[in-house]
Amino acid sequence: MSQRALKENGSIHQTNYKMASGSEAKLHCPVCCDIFKDPVLLSCSHSFCKVCLRRWWRRKEALKCPVCKRISGKKHPPCNLALKNLCEAFLLESDQFKKLHKFLEEEEKARIAAVSAEERWKREVLKEKMDVLRREIAALSQIIRATEEELRAEDTFFLNNYKVLKSPNSLNLWAEGGTILGV
C-alpha cells in the first residue's frame, strides 16, 4: 500500500520508503514525509508540522494523534523548538553540502576540460615531432640508397676492369704514374 493510501485510510506509519535512514529520518513529519516545518509537539510526544496536523484534524472527528491515535488535550499544541532548531540546522548543513557538491562538480569539470586540452595539445606536438622524424627518416633512407648505388657502381667498375688491372703492363703503367682506363 502506498504512503498516500495509508494516509487516506487514516493509518500513518512512521516508516517512509523515500526517507534516509538514521537521524535524518527523525526530522521528517510522519504526515507529509518532508522535513518538519514549524513542528508542534502533542502530549503523546509525537511531533508534526503545524499545517499537517491542522489538515489532519480537519478531516477527523476528534483531535487524535495521527500516529498513536491518542486524543490530544490541546487544540493548539506547543511549538517543538528543539526539533525546529535541529531541522533548521540540518537544512542549513544540507544546503551548504549541496553548494560544496556543486562547487566540486564544477571544479571537476574544469579540471577534466584542462586535462583534455592538455592531452590534445600534447598529441598535436607529438604528431608534429613524428612528422619531422618521418621526413628525416625518408631523407636518410634516400641518402643510404644513393650511397649503396654509388658503392655498387664502383664495385661493378672494379670487377669489369679487373682483368685489365691484373695484367703486368697495367702495373708498370701504374708505377710510372700513368692512368689506366680513367682510374
Protein backbone atom coordinates (compact mmCIF):
# COMPACT_ATOMS: atom_id res chain seq x y z
CA MET A 1 0.00 0.00 0.00
CA SER A 2 1.38 3.43 -0.91
CA GLN A 3 2.11 6.17 1.63
CA ARG A 4 -0.74 8.25 0.19
CA ALA A 5 -3.21 5.34 0.52
CA LEU A 6 -2.11 4.81 4.11
CA LYS A 7 -2.78 8.49 4.87
CA GLU A 8 -6.19 8.44 3.23
CA ASN A 9 -7.23 5.36 5.20
CA GLY A 10 -6.35 7.15 8.43
CA SER A 11 -3.39 4.94 9.21
CA ILE A 12 0.06 6.56 9.37
CA HIS A 13 3.26 4.59 9.59
CA GLN A 14 6.42 6.40 10.55
CA THR A 15 8.40 4.42 8.01
CA ASN A 16 8.90 6.42 4.86
CA TYR A 17 10.40 4.45 2.00
CA LYS A 18 11.81 7.58 0.37
CA MET A 19 13.46 8.86 3.57
CA ALA A 20 17.05 8.46 4.52
CA SER A 21 17.89 6.30 7.49
CA GLY A 22 19.34 7.31 10.84
CA SER A 23 18.98 10.69 12.47
CA GLU A 24 17.74 12.38 9.29
CA ALA A 25 14.63 10.16 9.33
CA LYS A 26 13.74 11.58 12.75
CA LEU A 27 13.50 15.03 11.17
CA HIS A 28 10.62 14.05 8.87
CA CYS A 29 6.94 14.64 9.59
CA PRO A 30 5.01 11.33 9.58
CA VAL A 31 2.11 13.00 7.73
CA CYS A 32 3.83 14.80 4.82
CA CYS A 33 7.14 12.87 4.98
CA ASP A 34 9.10 16.11 4.48
CA ILE A 35 11.47 17.81 6.92
CA PHE A 36 9.42 19.41 9.70
CA LYS A 37 8.17 22.95 9.09
CA ASP A 38 7.06 24.69 12.31
CA PRO A 39 6.91 21.42 14.29
CA VAL A 40 4.40 21.09 17.12
CA LEU A 41 4.53 18.57 19.96
CA LEU A 42 1.50 16.57 21.11
CA SER A 43 1.05 15.30 24.66
CA CYS A 44 1.87 11.77 23.41
CA SER A 45 5.35 13.09 22.42
CA HIS A 46 4.80 12.78 18.67
CA SER A 47 5.70 15.79 16.53
CA PHE A 48 4.15 17.02 13.28
CA CYS A 49 4.28 20.05 11.01
CA LYS A 50 1.77 22.56 12.32
CA VAL A 51 -0.02 22.75 8.94
CA CYS A 52 -0.06 18.95 8.51
CA LEU A 53 -1.61 18.40 11.95
CA ARG A 54 -4.31 21.02 11.34
CA ARG A 55 -5.20 19.47 7.98
CA TRP A 56 -5.31 16.04 9.59
CA TRP A 57 -7.58 17.20 12.37
CA ARG A 58 -9.96 18.96 9.91
CA ARG A 59 -10.63 15.60 8.23
CA LYS A 60 -11.16 13.71 11.52
CA GLU A 61 -13.88 13.92 14.18
CA ALA A 62 -11.56 14.06 17.19
CA LEU A 63 -8.18 15.67 17.84
CA LYS A 64 -6.27 12.36 17.70
CA CYS A 65 -2.57 11.82 17.13
CA PRO A 66 -2.10 10.59 13.53
CA VAL A 67 0.44 8.01 14.73
CA CYS A 68 -0.80 6.52 18.02
CA LYS A 69 -4.47 7.71 17.86
CA ARG A 70 -4.37 9.14 21.41
CA ILE A 71 -6.59 12.16 21.90
CA SER A 72 -4.66 15.40 22.27
CA GLY A 73 -5.54 17.58 25.24
CA LYS A 74 -4.81 20.82 23.35
CA LYS A 75 -6.30 22.24 20.18
CA HIS A 76 -3.15 24.38 19.71
CA PRO A 77 -0.16 22.22 20.70
CA PRO A 78 3.12 23.98 21.59
CA CYS A 79 5.94 24.50 19.12
CA ASN A 80 8.73 21.94 19.41
CA LEU A 81 11.63 24.43 19.47
CA ALA A 82 14.37 21.82 19.87
CA LEU A 83 13.13 19.93 16.82
CA LYS A 84 12.67 23.18 14.88
CA ASN A 85 16.29 24.16 15.62
CA LEU A 86 17.53 20.71 14.60
CA CYS A 87 15.61 20.89 11.32
CA GLU A 88 16.92 24.37 10.56
CA ALA A 89 20.48 23.26 11.31
CA PHE A 90 20.00 20.17 9.13
CA LEU A 91 18.61 22.24 6.25
CA LEU A 92 21.47 24.72 6.55
CA GLU A 93 24.03 21.92 6.58
CA SER A 94 22.26 20.23 3.68
CA ASP A 95 22.28 23.50 1.72
CA GLN A 96 25.99 24.00 2.41
CA PHE A 97 26.68 20.42 1.38
CA LYS A 98 24.78 20.96 -1.89
CA LYS A 99 26.77 24.13 -2.58
CA LEU A 100 30.03 22.33 -1.84
CA HIS A 101 28.95 19.40 -4.02
CA LYS A 102 28.08 21.78 -6.88
CA PHE A 103 31.41 23.59 -6.47
CA LEU A 104 33.31 20.29 -6.53
CA GLU A 105 31.42 19.11 -9.62
CA GLU A 106 32.25 22.37 -11.41
CA GLU A 107 35.87 22.09 -10.29
CA GLU A 108 35.99 18.51 -11.55
CA LYS A 109 34.54 19.57 -14.93
CA ALA A 110 37.10 22.38 -15.18
CA ARG A 111 39.97 20.03 -14.35
CA ILE A 112 38.73 17.42 -16.83
CA ALA A 113 38.48 20.13 -19.51
CA ALA A 114 42.02 21.32 -18.70
CA VAL A 115 43.41 17.79 -18.82
CA SER A 116 41.59 17.15 -22.12
CA ALA A 117 43.01 20.35 -23.60
CA GLU A 118 46.50 19.43 -22.42
CA GLU A 119 46.10 15.95 -23.89
CA ARG A 120 45.03 17.41 -27.27
CA TRP A 121 47.98 19.82 -27.21
CA LYS A 122 50.46 17.05 -26.35
CA ARG A 123 49.03 14.81 -29.08
CA GLU A 124 49.47 17.64 -31.61
CA VAL A 125 53.07 18.27 -30.50
CA LEU A 126 53.79 14.53 -30.67
CA LYS A 127 52.21 14.33 -34.13
CA GLU A 128 54.38 17.22 -35.35
CA LYS A 129 57.52 15.56 -33.95
CA MET A 130 56.55 12.25 -35.57
CA ASP A 131 56.09 14.04 -38.92
CA VAL A 132 59.57 15.61 -38.59
CA LEU A 133 61.06 12.20 -37.75
CA ARG A 134 59.30 10.59 -40.75
CA ARG A 135 60.73 13.26 -43.06
CA GLU A 136 64.21 12.79 -41.56
CA ILE A 137 63.94 9.00 -41.91
CA ALA A 138 62.84 9.39 -45.54
CA ALA A 139 65.79 11.73 -46.25
CA LEU A 140 68.25 9.36 -44.58
CA SER A 141 66.79 6.39 -46.46
CA GLN A 142 67.30 8.26 -49.73
CA ILE A 143 70.92 9.07 -48.79
CA ILE A 144 71.54 5.41 -47.90
CA ARG A 145 70.05 4.23 -51.22
CA ALA A 146 72.17 6.71 -53.18
CA THR A 147 75.31 5.69 -51.27
CA GLU A 148 74.59 2.00 -51.85
CA GLU A 149 74.10 2.67 -55.59
CA GLU A 150 77.43 4.52 -55.72
CA LEU A 151 79.19 1.67 -53.94
CA ARG A 152 77.64 -0.88 -56.30
CA ALA A 153 78.69 1.23 -59.29
CA GLU A 154 82.29 1.36 -58.03
CA ASP A 155 82.24 -2.41 -57.40
CA THR A 156 80.93 -3.01 -60.91
CA PHE A 157 83.62 -0.74 -62.41
CA PHE A 158 86.33 -2.54 -60.46
CA LEU A 159 85.06 -6.01 -61.43
CA ASN A 160 84.63 -5.04 -65.07
CA ASN A 161 88.19 -3.73 -65.24
CA TYR A 162 89.82 -6.41 -63.06
CA LYS A 163 91.42 -8.28 -65.97
CA VAL A 164 92.94 -5.08 -67.33
CA LEU A 165 94.21 -4.06 -63.91
CA LYS A 166 95.67 -7.53 -63.31
CA SER A 167 97.86 -7.51 -66.42
CA PRO A 168 101.60 -6.81 -65.90
CA ASN A 169 101.57 -3.93 -68.39
CA SER A 170 98.98 -2.04 -66.35
CA LEU A 171 101.06 -2.44 -63.20
CA ASN A 172 104.12 -0.96 -64.98
CA LEU A 173 102.00 1.87 -66.33
CA TRP A 174 100.63 2.49 -62.87
CA ALA A 175 104.10 2.52 -61.34
CA GLU A 176 105.25 5.07 -63.90
CA GLY A 177 102.41 7.42 -62.90
CA GLY A 178 100.07 6.79 -65.80
CA THR A 179 96.38 6.22 -65.74
CA ILE A 180 94.66 3.02 -66.54
CA LEU A 181 91.20 3.27 -68.08
CA GLY A 182 90.43 6.53 -66.39
CA VAL A 183 91.22 5.30 -62.90
